[in-house]
Amino acid sequence: MKTGGMWFVDVEDVARLHAVALLDDHVEQERIIALASPIDWTRVVACLRTLRPKNTSIPPVPPSSSRAKELIMGSSRALQLLQSFFGRSEWTALEDSLSRGIESLEQR
């Protein structure tokens, strides 16, 4: 397995996979690789600036490190389990995950 960079996966997707591993009789003695998409700080900062454009604490978007997307062997099994057990068609997007995280902090 080649990982060569930073990867993102939403915490709720990870929780779902833990539930699948616990409850699905077809998952046994198996390492489930949960990696939704490669990320870099350029993408994260750009997303934060889009979500909260008036927030002056968010730094300028840094130059892109432009890493090519890589396929992680084994991560397709995790997505297959999310699809079959929860009916999820895809991983939770970075933008959706960050948005929910920000909203939960703002509600405190």
C-alpha atoms as a PDB file:
ATOM      1  CA  MET A   1       0.000   0.000   0.000  1.00  0.00           C
ATOM      2  CA  LYS A   2       1.403   3.379  -1.022  1.00  0.00           C
ATOM      3  CA  THR A   3       0.186   6.409   0.928  1.00  0.00           C
ATOM      4  CA  GLY A   4       2.595   9.221  -0.119  1.00  0.00           C
ATOM      5  CA  GLY A   5       0.708  12.136   1.450  1.00  0.00           C
ATOM      6  CA  MET A   6      -2.160  13.262   3.603  1.00  0.00           C
ATOM      7  CA  TRP A   7      -5.535  11.612   3.312  1.00  0.00           C
ATOM      8  CA  PHE A   8      -8.960  12.586   4.582  1.00  0.00           C
ATOM      9  CA  VAL A   9     -11.847  10.523   5.907  1.00  0.00           C
ATOM     10  CA  ASP A  10     -14.866  11.821   7.807  1.00  0.00           C
ATOM     11  CA  VAL A  11     -15.211  10.706  11.425  1.00  0.00           C
ATOM     12  CA  GLU A  12     -18.804   9.563  10.839  1.00  0.00           C
ATOM     13  CA  ASP A  13     -17.682   7.325   7.958  1.00  0.00           C
ATOM     14  CA  VAL A  14     -15.094   5.791  10.294  1.00  0.00           C
ATOM     15  CA  ALA A  15     -17.781   5.253  12.956  1.00  0.00           C
ATOM     16  CA  ARG A  16     -20.014   3.576  10.375  1.00  0.00           C
ATOM     17  CA  LEU A  17     -17.189   1.238   9.391  1.00  0.00           C
ATOM     18  CA  HIS A  18     -16.626   0.326  13.050  1.00  0.00           C
ATOM     19  CA  ALA A  19     -20.318  -0.574  13.275  1.00  0.00           C
ATOM     20  CA  VAL A  20     -20.070  -2.692  10.111  1.00  0.00           C
ATOM     21  CA  ALA A  21     -17.008  -4.506  11.464  1.00  0.00           C
ATOM     22  CA  LEU A  22     -18.886  -5.243  14.673  1.00  0.00           C
ATOM     23  CA  LEU A  23     -22.229  -6.280  13.170  1.00  0.00           C
ATOM     24  CA  ASP A  24     -21.564  -7.755   9.709  1.00  0.00           C
ATOM     25  CA  ASP A  25     -20.886 -11.505   9.806  1.00  0.00           C
ATOM     26  CA  HIS A  26     -18.983 -11.246   6.494  1.00  0.00           C
ATOM     27  CA  VAL A  27     -16.296  -9.006   8.005  1.00  0.00           C
ATOM     28  CA  GLU A  28     -13.894 -11.211   9.899  1.00  0.00           C
ATOM     29  CA  GLN A  29     -10.170 -10.853  10.640  1.00  0.00           C
ATOM     30  CA  GLU A  30      -9.991  -8.003   8.155  1.00  0.00           C
ATOM     31  CA  ARG A  31      -8.201  -4.668   8.106  1.00  0.00           C
ATOM     32  CA  ILE A  32     -10.529  -2.043   6.662  1.00  0.00           C
ATOM     33  CA  ILE A  33      -8.711   0.883   5.039  1.00  0.00           C
ATOM     34  CA  ALA A  34     -10.760   4.081   5.351  1.00  0.00           C
ATOM     35  CA  LEU A  35      -9.344   6.791   3.068  1.00  0.00           C
ATOM     36  CA  ALA A  36     -11.815   8.988   1.224  1.00  0.00           C
ATOM     37  CA  SER A  37      -9.539  11.353  -0.692  1.00  0.00           C
ATOM     38  CA  PRO A  38      -6.049  12.832  -0.735  1.00  0.00           C
ATOM     39  CA  ILE A  39      -5.835  16.380   0.630  1.00  0.00           C
ATOM     40  CA  ASP A  40      -3.344  19.166   1.072  1.00  0.00           C
ATOM     41  CA  TRP A  41      -3.474  22.430   3.010  1.00  0.00           C
ATOM     42  CA  THR A  42      -4.326  24.368  -0.140  1.00  0.00           C
ATOM     43  CA  ARG A  43      -7.603  22.496  -0.443  1.00  0.00           C
ATOM     44  CA  VAL A  44      -8.392  22.695   3.296  1.00  0.00           C
ATOM     45  CA  VAL A  45      -7.741  26.443   3.576  1.00  0.00           C
ATOM     46  CA  ALA A  46      -9.632  27.163   0.350  1.00  0.00           C
ATOM     47  CA  CYS A  47     -12.602  25.197   1.662  1.00  0.00           C
ATOM     48  CA  LEU A  48     -12.544  27.025   5.014  1.00  0.00           C
ATOM     49  CA  ARG A  49     -12.385  30.404   3.260  1.00  0.00           C
ATOM     50  CA  THR A  50     -15.394  29.400   1.129  1.00  0.00           C
ATOM     51  CA  LEU A  51     -17.365  28.216   4.149  1.00  0.00           C
ATOM     52  CA  ARG A  52     -16.578  31.298   6.259  1.00  0.00           C
ATOM     53  CA  PRO A  53     -15.579  34.132   3.874  1.00  0.00           C
ATOM     54  CA  LYS A  54     -15.877  36.823   6.574  1.00  0.00           C
ATOM     55  CA  ASN A  55     -13.542  35.047   9.002  1.00  0.00           C
ATOM     56  CA  THR A  56     -10.305  37.054   8.965  1.00  0.00           C
ATOM     57  CA  SER A  57      -8.500  34.442  11.096  1.00  0.00           C
ATOM     58  CA  ILE A  58      -8.264  32.032   8.171  1.00  0.00           C
ATOM     59  CA  PRO A  59      -4.888  32.495   6.460  1.00  0.00           C
ATOM     60  CA  PRO A  60      -4.480  33.078   2.723  1.00  0.00           C
ATOM     61  CA  VAL A  61      -4.642  29.992   0.558  1.00  0.00           C
ATOM     62  CA  PRO A  62      -1.105  28.554   0.300  1.00  0.00           C
ATOM     63  CA  PRO A  63       0.396  27.493  -3.038  1.00  0.00           C
ATOM     64  CA  SER A  64      -0.786  24.102  -4.212  1.00  0.00           C
ATOM     65  CA  SER A  65       1.413  21.101  -3.720  1.00  0.00           C
ATOM     66  CA  SER A  66      -0.511  19.486  -6.618  1.00  0.00           C
ATOM     67  CA  ARG A  67      -0.185  15.848  -5.686  1.00  0.00           C
ATOM     68  CA  ALA A  68      -1.714  13.419  -8.096  1.00  0.00           C
ATOM     69  CA  LYS A  69      -4.576  11.344  -6.792  1.00  0.00           C
ATOM     70  CA  GLU A  70      -3.539   7.854  -5.924  1.00  0.00           C
ATOM     71  CA  LEU A  71      -5.604   4.724  -5.634  1.00  0.00           C
ATOM     72  CA  ILE A  72      -5.135   3.062  -2.283  1.00  0.00           C
ATOM     73  CA  MET A  73      -5.422  -0.671  -2.522  1.00  0.00           C
ATOM     74  CA  GLY A  74      -7.998  -1.876  -0.035  1.00  0.00           C
ATOM     75  CA  SER A  75      -9.936   1.365   0.374  1.00  0.00           C
ATOM     76  CA  SER A  76     -12.534   0.184  -2.155  1.00  0.00           C
ATOM     77  CA  ARG A  77     -13.541  -2.562   0.316  1.00  0.00           C
ATOM     78  CA  ALA A  78     -14.411   0.068   2.926  1.00  0.00           C
ATOM     79  CA  LEU A  79     -16.575   1.990   0.459  1.00  0.00           C
ATOM     80  CA  GLN A  80     -18.261  -1.261  -0.578  1.00  0.00           C
ATOM     81  CA  LEU A  81     -19.115  -1.941   3.079  1.00  0.00           C
ATOM     82  CA  LEU A  82     -20.533   1.586   3.511  1.00  0.00           C
ATOM     83  CA  GLN A  83     -22.645   1.052   0.413  1.00  0.00           C
ATOM     84  CA  SER A  84     -23.981  -2.381   1.342  1.00  0.00           C
ATOM     85  CA  PHE A  85     -24.595  -1.746   5.049  1.00  0.00           C
ATOM     86  CA  PHE A  86     -25.660   1.920   5.066  1.00  0.00           C
ATOM     87  CA  GLY A  87     -26.684   2.601   1.463  1.00  0.00           C
ATOM     88  CA  ARG A  88     -24.011   5.312   1.129  1.00  0.00           C
ATOM     89  CA  SER A  89     -23.064   5.908  -2.499  1.00  0.00           C
ATOM     90  CA  GLU A  90     -19.778   7.637  -1.676  1.00  0.00           C
ATOM     91  CA  TRP A  91     -17.523   8.908   1.086  1.00  0.00           C
ATOM     92  CA  THR A  92     -18.481  12.089   2.926  1.00  0.00           C
ATOM     93  CA  ALA A  93     -16.846  15.006   1.098  1.00  0.00           C
ATOM     94  CA  LEU A  94     -14.200  17.128   2.828  1.00  0.00           C
ATOM     95  CA  GLU A  95     -16.342  20.225   2.378  1.00  0.00           C
ATOM     96  CA  ASP A  96     -19.356  18.596   4.054  1.00  0.00           C
ATOM     97  CA  SER A  97     -17.253  17.272   6.916  1.00  0.00           C
ATOM     98  CA  LEU A  98     -15.624  20.651   7.580  1.00  0.00           C
ATOM     99  CA  SER A  99     -18.969  22.426   7.361  1.00  0.00           C
ATOM    100  CA  ARG A 100     -20.570  20.109   9.935  1.00  0.00           C
ATOM    101  CA  GLY A 101     -17.538  20.435  12.207  1.00  0.00           C
ATOM    102  CA  ILE A 102     -17.619  24.227  12.083  1.00  0.00           C
ATOM    103  CA  GLU A 103     -21.368  24.303  12.716  1.00  0.00           C
ATOM    104  CA  SER A 104     -21.044  22.022  15.740  1.00  0.00           C
ATOM    105  CA  LEU A 105     -18.357  24.309  17.208  1.00  0.00           C
ATOM    106  CA  GLU A 106     -20.486  27.396  16.606  1.00  0.00           C
ATOM    107  CA  GLN A 107     -23.414  25.806  18.463  1.00  0.00           C
ATOM    108  CA  ARG A 108     -21.389  25.463  21.668  1.00  0.00           C
END
